[in-house]
PDB file of N, CA and C in Angstrom:
ATOM      1  N   MET A   1    -195.254  -0.968  40.925  1.00  0.00           N
ATOM      2  CA  MET A   1    -196.212   0.080  41.216  1.00  0.00           C
ATOM      3  C   MET A   1    -197.632  -0.455  41.125  1.00  0.00           C
ATOM      4  N   ALA A   2    -197.895  -1.268  40.123  1.00  0.00           N
ATOM      5  CA  ALA A   2    -199.236  -1.831  39.967  1.00  0.00           C
ATOM      6  C   ALA A   2    -199.611  -2.685  41.176  1.00  0.00           C
ATOM      7  N   GLU A   3    -198.652  -3.429  41.687  1.00  0.00           N
ATOM      8  CA  GLU A   3    -198.918  -4.260  42.871  1.00  0.00           C
ATOM      9  C   GLU A   3    -199.234  -3.388  44.083  1.00  0.00           C
ATOM     10  N   ARG A   4    -198.572  -2.232  44.201  1.00  0.00           N
ATOM     11  CA  ARG A   4    -198.871  -1.306  45.306  1.00  0.00           C
ATOM     12  C   ARG A   4    -200.275  -0.730  45.159  1.00  0.00           C
ATOM     13  N   LEU A   5    -200.664  -0.401  43.938  1.00  0.00           N
ATOM     14  CA  LEU A   5    -202.017   0.091  43.707  1.00  0.00           C
ATOM     15  C   LEU A   5    -203.054  -0.971  44.063  1.00  0.00           C
ATOM     16  N   LEU A   6    -202.756  -2.221  43.742  1.00  0.00           N
ATOM     17  CA  LEU A   6    -203.648  -3.331  44.082  1.00  0.00           C
ATOM     18  C   LEU A   6    -203.757  -3.479  45.596  1.00  0.00           C
ATOM     19  N   ALA A   7    -202.621  -3.462  46.283  1.00  0.00           N
ATOM     20  CA  ALA A   7    -202.615  -3.603  47.744  1.00  0.00           C
ATOM     21  C   ALA A   7    -203.374  -2.464  48.423  1.00  0.00           C
ATOM     22  N   ALA A   8    -203.341  -1.281  47.823  1.00  0.00           N
ATOM     23  CA  ALA A   8    -204.045  -0.129  48.384  1.00  0.00           C
ATOM     24  C   ALA A   8    -205.524  -0.106  47.995  1.00  0.00           C
ATOM     25  N   GLY A   9    -205.958  -1.088  47.197  1.00  0.00           N
ATOM     26  CA  GLY A   9    -207.354  -1.147  46.785  1.00  0.00           C
ATOM     27  C   GLY A   9    -207.725  -0.147  45.706  1.00  0.00           C
ATOM     28  N   ARG A  10    -206.719   0.393  45.017  1.00  0.00           N
ATOM     29  CA  ARG A  10    -206.987   1.399  43.989  1.00  0.00           C
ATOM     30  C   ARG A  10    -207.244   0.779  42.619  1.00  0.00           C
ATOM     31  N   VAL A  11    -206.903  -0.505  42.448  1.00  0.00           N
ATOM     32  CA  VAL A  11    -207.220  -1.252  41.234  1.00  0.00           C
ATOM     33  C   VAL A  11    -207.774  -2.612  41.654  1.00  0.00           C
ATOM     34  N   GLY A  12    -208.560  -3.222  40.775  1.00  0.00           N
ATOM     35  CA  GLY A  12    -209.195  -4.487  41.104  1.00  0.00           C
ATOM     36  C   GLY A  12    -208.340  -5.712  40.867  1.00  0.00           C
ATOM     37  N   ALA A  13    -207.415  -5.625  39.914  1.00  0.00           N
ATOM     38  CA  ALA A  13    -206.581  -6.776  39.574  1.00  0.00           C
ATOM     39  C   ALA A  13    -205.351  -6.274  38.808  1.00  0.00           C
ATOM     40  N   VAL A  14    -204.319  -7.092  38.812  1.00  0.00           N
ATOM     41  CA  VAL A  14    -203.094  -6.791  38.072  1.00  0.00           C
ATOM     42  C   VAL A  14    -202.713  -8.024  37.262  1.00  0.00           C
ATOM     43  N   LYS A  15    -202.437  -7.812  36.002  1.00  0.00           N
ATOM     44  CA  LYS A  15    -201.926  -8.881  35.137  1.00  0.00           C
ATOM     45  C   LYS A  15    -200.558  -8.424  34.643  1.00  0.00           C
ATOM     46  N   ALA A  16    -199.539  -9.217  34.896  1.00  0.00           N
ATOM     47  CA  ALA A  16    -198.182  -8.876  34.459  1.00  0.00           C
ATOM     48  C   ALA A  16    -197.913  -9.502  33.098  1.00  0.00           C
ATOM     49  N   TYR A  17    -197.324  -8.716  32.219  1.00  0.00           N
ATOM     50  CA  TYR A  17    -196.918  -9.188  30.900  1.00  0.00           C
ATOM     51  C   TYR A  17    -195.400  -9.215  30.852  1.00  0.00           C
ATOM     52  N   ALA A  18    -194.830 -10.211  30.216  1.00  0.00           N
ATOM     53  CA  ALA A  18    -193.385 -10.258  30.005  1.00  0.00           C
ATOM     54  C   ALA A  18    -192.977  -9.101  29.097  1.00  0.00           C
ATOM     55  N   TYR A  19    -191.746  -8.662  29.219  1.00  0.00           N
ATOM     56  CA  TYR A  19    -191.257  -7.545  28.416  1.00  0.00           C
ATOM     57  C   TYR A  19    -191.517  -7.786  26.928  1.00  0.00           C
ATOM     58  N   SER A  20    -191.334  -9.019  26.493  1.00  0.00           N
ATOM     59  CA  SER A  20    -191.530  -9.354  25.074  1.00  0.00           C
ATOM     60  C   SER A  20    -193.005  -9.340  24.669  1.00  0.00           C
ATOM     61  N   GLU A  21    -193.906  -9.169  25.632  1.00  0.00           N
ATOM     62  CA  GLU A  21    -195.344  -9.196  25.358  1.00  0.00           C
ATOM     63  C   GLU A  21    -195.995  -7.809  25.441  1.00  0.00           C
ATOM     64  N   ILE A  22    -195.202  -6.753  25.372  1.00  0.00           N
ATOM     65  CA  ILE A  22    -195.752  -5.400  25.488  1.00  0.00           C
ATOM     66  C   ILE A  22    -196.781  -5.141  24.395  1.00  0.00           C
ATOM     67  N   ARG A  23    -196.474  -5.532  23.171  1.00  0.00           N
ATOM     68  CA  ARG A  23    -197.435  -5.315  22.081  1.00  0.00           C
ATOM     69  C   ARG A  23    -198.715  -6.134  22.304  1.00  0.00           C
ATOM     70  N   THR A  24    -198.576  -7.312  22.867  1.00  0.00           N
ATOM     71  CA  THR A  24    -199.748  -8.132  23.196  1.00  0.00           C
ATOM     72  C   THR A  24    -200.601  -7.415  24.230  1.00  0.00           C
ATOM     73  N   ALA A  25    -199.971  -6.805  25.223  1.00  0.00           N
ATOM     74  CA  ALA A  25    -200.713  -6.065  26.238  1.00  0.00           C
ATOM     75  C   ALA A  25    -201.483  -4.909  25.599  1.00  0.00           C
ATOM     76  N   LEU A  26    -200.842  -4.204  24.676  1.00  0.00           N
ATOM     77  CA  LEU A  26    -201.529  -3.097  24.001  1.00  0.00           C
ATOM     78  C   LEU A  26    -202.667  -3.609  23.131  1.00  0.00           C
ATOM     79  N   ASP A  27    -202.470  -4.769  22.486  1.00  0.00           N
ATOM     80  CA  ASP A  27    -203.563  -5.392  21.729  1.00  0.00           C
ATOM     81  C   ASP A  27    -204.721  -5.720  22.666  1.00  0.00           C
ATOM     82  N   ASP A  28    -204.399  -6.295  23.836  1.00  0.00           N
ATOM     83  CA  ASP A  28    -205.436  -6.637  24.808  1.00  0.00           C
ATOM     84  C   ASP A  28    -206.173  -5.383  25.272  1.00  0.00           C
ATOM     85  N   LEU A  29    -205.449  -4.296  25.451  1.00  0.00           N
ATOM     86  CA  LEU A  29    -206.073  -3.038  25.852  1.00  0.00           C
ATOM     87  C   LEU A  29    -207.019  -2.533  24.760  1.00  0.00           C
ATOM     88  N   GLU A  30    -206.557  -2.586  23.517  1.00  0.00           N
ATOM     89  CA  GLU A  30    -207.411  -2.152  22.399  1.00  0.00           C
ATOM     90  C   GLU A  30    -208.680  -2.991  22.292  1.00  0.00           C
ATOM     91  N   HIS A  31    -208.575  -4.280  22.588  1.00  0.00           N
ATOM     92  CA  HIS A  31    -209.718  -5.184  22.458  1.00  0.00           C
ATOM     93  C   HIS A  31    -210.567  -5.247  23.719  1.00  0.00           C
ATOM     94  N   GLY A  32    -210.198  -4.499  24.757  1.00  0.00           N
ATOM     95  CA  GLY A  32    -210.988  -4.476  25.976  1.00  0.00           C
ATOM     96  C   GLY A  32    -210.752  -5.635  26.918  1.00  0.00           C
ATOM     97  N   THR A  33    -209.749  -6.463  26.638  1.00  0.00           N
ATOM     98  CA  THR A  33    -209.436  -7.596  27.511  1.00  0.00           C
ATOM     99  C   THR A  33    -208.907  -7.111  28.850  1.00  0.00           C
ATOM    100  N   ILE A  34    -208.169  -6.003  28.834  1.00  0.00           N
ATOM    101  CA  ILE A  34    -207.693  -5.359  30.053  1.00  0.00           C
ATOM    102  C   ILE A  34    -208.154  -3.905  30.016  1.00  0.00           C
ATOM    103  N   GLY A  35    -208.210  -3.275  31.178  1.00  0.00           N
ATOM    104  CA  GLY A  35    -208.726  -1.916  31.253  1.00  0.00           C
ATOM    105  C   GLY A  35    -207.679  -0.830  31.202  1.00  0.00           C
ATOM    106  N   ALA A  36    -206.427  -1.161  31.523  1.00  0.00           N
ATOM    107  CA  ALA A  36    -205.359  -0.162  31.542  1.00  0.00           C
ATOM    108  C   ALA A  36    -204.013  -0.880  31.440  1.00  0.00           C
ATOM    109  N   PHE A  37    -202.982  -0.106  31.114  1.00  0.00           N
ATOM    110  CA  PHE A  37    -201.639  -0.662  30.965  1.00  0.00           C
ATOM    111  C   PHE A  37    -200.637   0.377  31.450  1.00  0.00           C
ATOM    112  N   MET A  38    -199.640  -0.045  32.222  1.00  0.00           N
ATOM    113  CA  MET A  38    -198.616   0.863  32.738  1.00  0.00           C
ATOM    114  C   MET A  38    -197.261   0.539  32.121  1.00  0.00           C
ATOM    115  N   LYS A  39    -196.550   1.579  31.734  1.00  0.00           N
ATOM    116  CA  LYS A  39    -195.211   1.449  31.158  1.00  0.00           C
ATOM    117  C   LYS A  39    -194.538   2.800  31.304  1.00  0.00           C
ATOM    118  N   LEU A  40    -193.233   2.858  31.208  1.00  0.00           N
ATOM    119  CA  LEU A  40    -192.531   4.140  31.265  1.00  0.00           C
ATOM    120  C   LEU A  40    -193.123   5.088  30.230  1.00  0.00           C
ATOM    121  N   GLU A  41    -193.358   6.319  30.638  1.00  0.00           N
ATOM    122  CA  GLU A  41    -194.102   7.276  29.827  1.00  0.00           C
ATOM    123  C   GLU A  41    -193.561   7.495  28.419  1.00  0.00           C
ATOM    124  N   PRO A  42    -192.280   7.779  28.224  1.00  0.00           N
ATOM    125  CA  PRO A  42    -191.850   8.026  26.840  1.00  0.00           C
ATOM    126  C   PRO A  42    -191.951   6.779  25.956  1.00  0.00           C
ATOM    127  N   VAL A  43    -191.740   5.617  26.540  1.00  0.00           N
ATOM    128  CA  VAL A  43    -191.854   4.370  25.777  1.00  0.00           C
ATOM    129  C   VAL A  43    -193.303   4.151  25.367  1.00  0.00           C
ATOM    130  N   LEU A  44    -194.199   4.285  26.328  1.00  0.00           N
ATOM    131  CA  LEU A  44    -195.617   4.061  26.039  1.00  0.00           C
ATOM    132  C   LEU A  44    -196.145   5.087  25.047  1.00  0.00           C
ATOM    133  N   ARG A  45    -195.699   6.330  25.175  1.00  0.00           N
ATOM    134  CA  ARG A  45    -196.152   7.370  24.235  1.00  0.00           C
ATOM    135  C   ARG A  45    -195.785   6.980  22.800  1.00  0.00           C
ATOM    136  N   ARG A  46    -194.586   6.464  22.600  1.00  0.00           N
ATOM    137  CA  ARG A  46    -194.185   6.030  21.249  1.00  0.00           C
ATOM    138  C   ARG A  46    -195.004   4.835  20.790  1.00  0.00           C
ATOM    139  N   MET A  47    -195.270   3.911  21.727  1.00  0.00           N
ATOM    140  CA  MET A  47    -195.945   2.671  21.346  1.00  0.00           C
ATOM    141  C   MET A  47    -197.423   2.867  21.031  1.00  0.00           C
ATOM    142  N   VAL A  48    -198.050   3.910  21.557  1.00  0.00           N
ATOM    143  CA  VAL A  48    -199.465   4.139  21.258  1.00  0.00           C
ATOM    144  C   VAL A  48    -199.653   5.181  20.157  1.00  0.00           C
ATOM    145  N   ALA A  49    -198.569   5.728  19.648  1.00  0.00           N
ATOM    146  CA  ALA A  49    -198.661   6.773  18.625  1.00  0.00           C
ATOM    147  C   ALA A  49    -199.446   6.320  17.395  1.00  0.00           C
ATOM    148  N   ASP A  50    -199.325   5.056  17.031  1.00  0.00           N
ATOM    149  CA  ASP A  50    -200.046   4.556  15.854  1.00  0.00           C
ATOM    150  C   ASP A  50    -201.273   3.725  16.239  1.00  0.00           C
ATOM    151  N   ARG A  51    -201.771   3.948  17.448  1.00  0.00           N
ATOM    152  CA  ARG A  51    -202.965   3.253  17.934  1.00  0.00           C
ATOM    153  C   ARG A  51    -203.975   4.313  18.386  1.00  0.00           C
ATOM    154  N   PRO A  52    -204.753   4.868  17.458  1.00  0.00           N
ATOM    155  CA  PRO A  52    -205.644   5.982  17.795  1.00  0.00           C
ATOM    156  C   PRO A  52    -206.725   5.646  18.825  1.00  0.00           C
ATOM    157  N   ALA A  53    -206.988   4.375  19.042  1.00  0.00           N
ATOM    158  CA  ALA A  53    -207.996   4.000  20.033  1.00  0.00           C
ATOM    159  C   ALA A  53    -207.452   4.086  21.462  1.00  0.00           C
ATOM    160  N   LEU A  54    -206.134   4.259  21.604  1.00  0.00           N
ATOM    161  CA  LEU A  54    -205.522   4.306  22.929  1.00  0.00           C
ATOM    162  C   LEU A  54    -204.986   5.695  23.212  1.00  0.00           C
ATOM    163  N   ARG A  55    -204.992   6.071  24.485  1.00  0.00           N
ATOM    164  CA  ARG A  55    -204.383   7.341  24.859  1.00  0.00           C
ATOM    165  C   ARG A  55    -203.796   7.234  26.254  1.00  0.00           C
ATOM    166  N   ILE A  56    -202.826   8.056  26.523  1.00  0.00           N
ATOM    167  CA  ILE A  56    -202.197   8.120  27.839  1.00  0.00           C
ATOM    168  C   ILE A  56    -203.049   9.041  28.696  1.00  0.00           C
ATOM    169  N   VAL A  57    -203.446   8.558  29.865  1.00  0.00           N
ATOM    170  CA  VAL A  57    -204.343   9.335  30.714  1.00  0.00           C
ATOM    171  C   VAL A  57    -203.674   9.848  31.984  1.00  0.00           C
ATOM    172  N   GLN A  58    -202.510   9.278  32.339  1.00  0.00           N
ATOM    173  CA  GLN A  58    -201.828   9.752  33.542  1.00  0.00           C
ATOM    174  C   GLN A  58    -200.336   9.501  33.398  1.00  0.00           C
ATOM    175  N   THR A  59    -199.550  10.476  33.809  1.00  0.00           N
ATOM    176  CA  THR A  59    -198.095  10.340  33.811  1.00  0.00           C
ATOM    177  C   THR A  59    -197.572  10.767  35.174  1.00  0.00           C
ATOM    178  N   GLY A  60    -196.289  10.532  35.389  1.00  0.00           N
ATOM    179  CA  GLY A  60    -195.663  10.965  36.633  1.00  0.00           C
ATOM    180  C   GLY A  60    -196.063  10.146  37.844  1.00  0.00           C
ATOM    181  N   ILE A  61    -196.493   8.909  37.644  1.00  0.00           N
ATOM    182  CA  ILE A  61    -196.936   8.061  38.745  1.00  0.00           C
ATOM    183  C   ILE A  61    -195.747   7.644  39.609  1.00  0.00           C
ATOM    184  N   THR A  62    -194.618   7.391  38.967  1.00  0.00           N
ATOM    185  CA  THR A  62    -193.416   6.974  39.695  1.00  0.00           C
ATOM    186  C   THR A  62    -192.218   7.770  39.202  1.00  0.00           C
ATOM    187  N   SER A  63    -191.130   7.624  39.894  1.00  0.00           N
ATOM    188  CA  SER A  63    -189.856   8.198  39.473  1.00  0.00           C
ATOM    189  C   SER A  63    -188.904   7.028  39.265  1.00  0.00           C
ATOM    190  N   GLU A  64    -188.434   6.855  38.052  1.00  0.00           N
ATOM    191  CA  GLU A  64    -187.580   5.722  37.717  1.00  0.00           C
ATOM    192  C   GLU A  64    -186.160   6.204  37.432  1.00  0.00           C
ATOM    193  N   LEU A  65    -185.201   5.596  38.058  1.00  0.00           N
ATOM    194  CA  LEU A  65    -183.800   5.861  37.755  1.00  0.00           C
ATOM    195  C   LEU A  65    -183.311   4.710  36.887  1.00  0.00           C
ATOM    196  N   LEU A  66    -182.893   5.011  35.680  1.00  0.00           N
ATOM    197  CA  LEU A  66    -182.449   3.985  34.748  1.00  0.00           C
ATOM    198  C   LEU A  66    -180.930   3.907  34.763  1.00  0.00           C
ATOM    199  N   ALA A  67    -180.407   2.734  34.517  1.00  0.00           N
ATOM    200  CA  ALA A  67    -178.965   2.528  34.598  1.00  0.00           C
ATOM    201  C   ALA A  67    -178.509   1.530  33.547  1.00  0.00           C
ATOM    202  N   VAL A  68    -177.222   1.489  33.345  1.00  0.00           N
ATOM    203  CA  VAL A  68    -176.584   0.489  32.499  1.00  0.00           C
ATOM    204  C   VAL A  68    -175.800  -0.427  33.423  1.00  0.00           C
ATOM    205  N   ALA A  69    -175.984  -1.723  33.288  1.00  0.00           N
ATOM    206  CA  ALA A  69    -175.284  -2.687  34.135  1.00  0.00           C
ATOM    207  C   ALA A  69    -174.239  -3.438  33.327  1.00  0.00           C
ATOM    208  N   VAL A  70    -173.112  -3.705  33.942  1.00  0.00           N
ATOM    209  CA  VAL A  70    -172.064  -4.540  33.353  1.00  0.00           C
ATOM    210  C   VAL A  70    -171.632  -5.552  34.404  1.00  0.00           C
ATOM    211  N   ALA A  71    -170.961  -6.581  33.966  1.00  0.00           N
ATOM    212  CA  ALA A  71    -170.458  -7.583  34.899  1.00  0.00           C
ATOM    213  C   ALA A  71    -169.488  -6.938  35.892  1.00  0.00           C
ATOM    214  N   LEU A  72    -169.531  -7.399  37.138  1.00  0.00           N
ATOM    215  CA  LEU A  72    -168.676  -6.833  38.184  1.00  0.00           C
ATOM    216  C   LEU A  72    -167.205  -6.829  37.816  1.00  0.00           C
ATOM    217  N   ASP A  73    -166.776  -7.817  37.055  1.00  0.00           N
ATOM    218  CA  ASP A  73    -165.350  -7.924  36.729  1.00  0.00           C
ATOM    219  C   ASP A  73    -164.990  -7.226  35.416  1.00  0.00           C
ATOM    220  N   ASP A  74    -165.893  -6.402  34.889  1.00  0.00           N
ATOM    221  CA  ASP A  74    -165.616  -5.722  33.621  1.00  0.00           C
ATOM    222  C   ASP A  74    -165.536  -4.199  33.818  1.00  0.00           C
ATOM    223  N   ALA A  75    -164.590  -3.787  34.646  1.00  0.00           N
ATOM    224  CA  ALA A  75    -164.390  -2.359  34.919  1.00  0.00           C
ATOM    225  C   ALA A  75    -164.028  -1.605  33.642  1.00  0.00           C
ATOM    226  N   ALA A  76    -163.327  -2.273  32.729  1.00  0.00           N
ATOM    227  CA  ALA A  76    -162.932  -1.603  31.486  1.00  0.00           C
ATOM    228  C   ALA A  76    -164.169  -1.195  30.676  1.00  0.00           C
ATOM    229  N   LEU A  77    -165.157  -2.069  30.594  1.00  0.00           N
ATOM    230  CA  LEU A  77    -166.385  -1.736  29.873  1.00  0.00           C
ATOM    231  C   LEU A  77    -167.132  -0.605  30.579  1.00  0.00           C
ATOM    232  N   ALA A  78    -167.223  -0.671  31.895  1.00  0.00           N
ATOM    233  CA  ALA A  78    -167.882   0.398  32.656  1.00  0.00           C
ATOM    234  C   ALA A  78    -167.188   1.735  32.404  1.00  0.00           C
ATOM    235  N   ASP A  79    -165.866   1.723  32.382  1.00  0.00           N
ATOM    236  CA  ASP A  79    -165.105   2.955  32.118  1.00  0.00           C
ATOM    237  C   ASP A  79    -165.382   3.484  30.711  1.00  0.00           C
ATOM    238  N   ARG A  80    -165.454   2.588  29.721  1.00  0.00           N
ATOM    239  CA  ARG A  80    -165.728   3.019  28.343  1.00  0.00           C
ATOM    240  C   ARG A  80    -167.129   3.625  28.227  1.00  0.00           C
ATOM    241  N   ILE A  81    -168.097   3.018  28.909  1.00  0.00           N
ATOM    242  CA  ILE A  81    -169.457   3.551  28.891  1.00  0.00           C
ATOM    243  C   ILE A  81    -169.478   4.932  29.544  1.00  0.00           C
ATOM    244  N   ASP A  82    -168.842   5.074  30.701  1.00  0.00           N
ATOM    245  CA  ASP A  82    -168.781   6.374  31.381  1.00  0.00           C
ATOM    246  C   ASP A  82    -168.122   7.424  30.495  1.00  0.00           C
ATOM    247  N   TYR A  83    -167.019   7.050  29.862  1.00  0.00           N
ATOM    248  CA  TYR A  83    -166.288   7.982  28.993  1.00  0.00           C
ATOM    249  C   TYR A  83    -167.182   8.409  27.817  1.00  0.00           C
ATOM    250  N   ALA A  84    -167.841   7.447  27.202  1.00  0.00           N
ATOM    251  CA  ALA A  84    -168.701   7.757  26.056  1.00  0.00           C
ATOM    252  C   ALA A  84    -169.853   8.665  26.482  1.00  0.00           C
ATOM    253  N   GLN A  85    -170.442   8.388  27.632  1.00  0.00           N
ATOM    254  CA  GLN A  85    -171.553   9.221  28.102  1.00  0.00           C
ATOM    255  C   GLN A  85    -171.074  10.646  28.386  1.00  0.00           C
ATOM    256  N   GLN A  86    -169.930  10.790  29.015  1.00  0.00           N
ATOM    257  CA  GLN A  86    -169.399  12.133  29.290  1.00  0.00           C
ATOM    258  C   GLN A  86    -169.071  12.873  27.991  1.00  0.00           C
ATOM    259  N   ALA A  87    -168.534  12.141  27.011  1.00  0.00           N
ATOM    260  CA  ALA A  87    -168.230  12.767  25.722  1.00  0.00           C
ATOM    261  C   ALA A  87    -169.516  13.238  25.043  1.00  0.00           C
ATOM    262  N   LEU A  88    -170.552  12.422  25.085  1.00  0.00           N
ATOM    263  CA  LEU A  88    -171.846  12.812  24.516  1.00  0.00           C
ATOM    264  C   LEU A  88    -172.410  14.031  25.237  1.00  0.00           C
ATOM    265  N   ARG A  89    -172.259  14.055  26.546  1.00  0.00           N
ATOM    266  CA  ARG A  89    -172.759  15.201  27.321  1.00  0.00           C
ATOM    267  C   ARG A  89    -171.984  16.466  26.951  1.00  0.00           C
ATOM    268  N   ARG A  90    -170.653  16.388  26.890  1.00  0.00           N
ATOM    269  CA  ARG A  90    -169.823  17.561  26.563  1.00  0.00           C
ATOM    270  C   ARG A  90    -170.168  18.132  25.196  1.00  0.00           C
ATOM    271  N   ARG A  91    -170.442  17.265  24.232  1.00  0.00           N
ATOM    272  CA  ARG A  91    -170.769  17.714  22.873  1.00  0.00           C
ATOM    273  C   ARG A  91    -172.218  18.160  22.725  1.00  0.00           C
ATOM    274  N   GLY A  92    -173.009  17.996  23.775  1.00  0.00           N
ATOM    275  CA  GLY A  92    -174.412  18.374  23.697  1.00  0.00           C
ATOM    276  C   GLY A  92    -175.289  17.310  23.069  1.00  0.00           C
ATOM    277  N   GLU A  93    -174.716  16.144  22.793  1.00  0.00           N
ATOM    278  CA  GLU A  93    -175.487  15.072  22.148  1.00  0.00           C
ATOM    279  C   GLU A  93    -176.562  14.501  23.059  1.00  0.00           C
ATOM    280  N   LEU A  94    -176.286  14.368  24.355  1.00  0.00           N
ATOM    281  CA  LEU A  94    -177.316  13.840  25.255  1.00  0.00           C
ATOM    282  C   LEU A  94    -178.533  14.762  25.260  1.00  0.00           C
ATOM    283  N   ALA A  95    -178.294  16.051  25.314  1.00  0.00           N
ATOM    284  CA  ALA A  95    -179.405  17.009  25.287  1.00  0.00           C
ATOM    285  C   ALA A  95    -180.148  16.923  23.955  1.00  0.00           C
ATOM    286  N   ARG A  96    -179.416  16.806  22.848  1.00  0.00           N
ATOM    287  CA  ARG A  96    -180.046  16.706  21.530  1.00  0.00           C
ATOM    288  C   ARG A  96    -180.887  15.433  21.433  1.00  0.00           C
ATOM    289  N   LEU A  97    -180.347  14.320  21.894  1.00  0.00           N
ATOM    290  CA  LEU A  97    -181.092  13.061  21.865  1.00  0.00           C
ATOM    291  C   LEU A  97    -182.334  13.142  22.755  1.00  0.00           C
ATOM    292  N   GLY A  98    -182.182  13.775  23.912  1.00  0.00           N
ATOM    293  CA  GLY A  98    -183.333  13.949  24.789  1.00  0.00           C
ATOM    294  C   GLY A  98    -184.424  14.762  24.126  1.00  0.00           C
ATOM    295  N   ARG A  99    -184.034  15.856  23.475  1.00  0.00           N
ATOM    296  CA  ARG A  99    -185.033  16.684  22.787  1.00  0.00           C
ATOM    297  C   ARG A  99    -185.689  15.903  21.655  1.00  0.00           C
ATOM    298  N   ARG A 100    -184.893  15.114  20.931  1.00  0.00           N
ATOM    299  CA  ARG A 100    -185.451  14.363  19.800  1.00  0.00           C
ATOM    300  C   ARG A 100    -186.428  13.283  20.259  1.00  0.00           C
ATOM    301  N   TRP A 101    -186.020  12.476  21.216  1.00  0.00           N
ATOM    302  CA  TRP A 101    -186.804  11.309  21.583  1.00  0.00           C
ATOM    303  C   TRP A 101    -187.795  11.562  22.714  1.00  0.00           C
ATOM    304  N   LEU A 102    -187.624  12.621  23.463  1.00  0.00           N
ATOM    305  CA  LEU A 102    -188.507  12.873  24.594  1.00  0.00           C
ATOM    306  C   LEU A 102    -189.312  14.159  24.444  1.00  0.00           C
ATOM    307  N   ALA A 103    -189.246  14.790  23.280  1.00  0.00           N
ATOM    308  CA  ALA A 103    -189.890  16.088  23.077  1.00  0.00           C
ATOM    309  C   ALA A 103    -191.391  16.048  23.335  1.00  0.00           C
ATOM    310  N   ASP A 104    -192.051  14.955  22.997  1.00  0.00           N
ATOM    311  CA  ASP A 104    -193.503  14.895  23.178  1.00  0.00           C
ATOM    312  C   ASP A 104    -193.897  14.242  24.503  1.00  0.00           C
ATOM    313  N   SER A 105    -192.904  14.009  25.372  1.00  0.00           N
ATOM    314  CA  SER A 105    -193.177  13.408  26.669  1.00  0.00           C
ATOM    315  C   SER A 105    -193.566  14.471  27.687  1.00  0.00           C
ATOM    316  N   ASP A 106    -194.229  14.039  28.722  1.00  0.00           N
ATOM    317  CA  ASP A 106    -194.624  14.925  29.805  1.00  0.00           C
ATOM    318  C   ASP A 106    -193.363  15.393  30.529  1.00  0.00           C
ATOM    319  N   PRO A 107    -193.060  16.688  30.548  1.00  0.00           N
ATOM    320  CA  PRO A 107    -191.839  17.155  31.194  1.00  0.00           C
ATOM    321  C   PRO A 107    -191.822  16.875  32.697  1.00  0.00           C
ATOM    322  N   GLU A 108    -192.979  16.734  33.304  1.00  0.00           N
ATOM    323  CA  GLU A 108    -193.028  16.401  34.720  1.00  0.00           C
ATOM    324  C   GLU A 108    -192.681  14.934  34.956  1.00  0.00           C
ATOM    325  N   ALA A 109    -192.841  14.103  33.936  1.00  0.00           N
ATOM    326  CA  ALA A 109    -192.609  12.672  34.078  1.00  0.00           C
ATOM    327  C   ALA A 109    -191.277  12.234  33.495  1.00  0.00           C
ATOM    328  N   THR A 110    -190.656  13.092  32.697  1.00  0.00           N
ATOM    329  CA  THR A 110    -189.442  12.691  31.993  1.00  0.00           C
ATOM    330  C   THR A 110    -188.402  13.799  32.073  1.00  0.00           C
ATOM    331  N   ALA A 111    -187.263  13.479  32.607  1.00  0.00           N
ATOM    332  CA  ALA A 111    -186.170  14.447  32.653  1.00  0.00           C
ATOM    333  C   ALA A 111    -185.367  14.328  31.363  1.00  0.00           C
ATOM    334  N   VAL A 112    -185.152  15.436  30.706  1.00  0.00           N
ATOM    335  CA  VAL A 112    -184.340  15.437  29.485  1.00  0.00           C
ATOM    336  C   VAL A 112    -182.880  15.491  29.895  1.00  0.00           C
ATOM    337  N   LEU A 113    -182.092  14.635  29.295  1.00  0.00           N
ATOM    338  CA  LEU A 113    -180.669  14.574  29.606  1.00  0.00           C
ATOM    339  C   LEU A 113    -179.957  15.829  29.128  1.00  0.00           C
ATOM    340  N   THR A 114    -179.031  16.305  29.926  1.00  0.00           N
ATOM    341  CA  THR A 114    -178.240  17.471  29.518  1.00  0.00           C
ATOM    342  C   THR A 114    -176.766  17.167  29.631  1.00  0.00           C
TER     343      THR A 114
END
């Protein structure tokens, strides 16, 4: 998304951080080394919760579909994951987890699991 914003002339530059460098990116943002940082909304909301100098200014920029991947030859694992997810959904656990972990997220940017 950041690269698309750059191509459209909506941002001046893009610096990519490795996944393991997310905290470094937030440090850079706090110190003014970079001007903004993009990350999935509920994740970023948690990560800036203890950084009062930072705030989320825009949500709902993209729509992300998240998935669990397994090796192509591991149908048994895929079946176990599907079964566990359906069991969690039937018991209302997915909805409970969504309310717990996504309660302070922007409802327009984050779908709560049911």
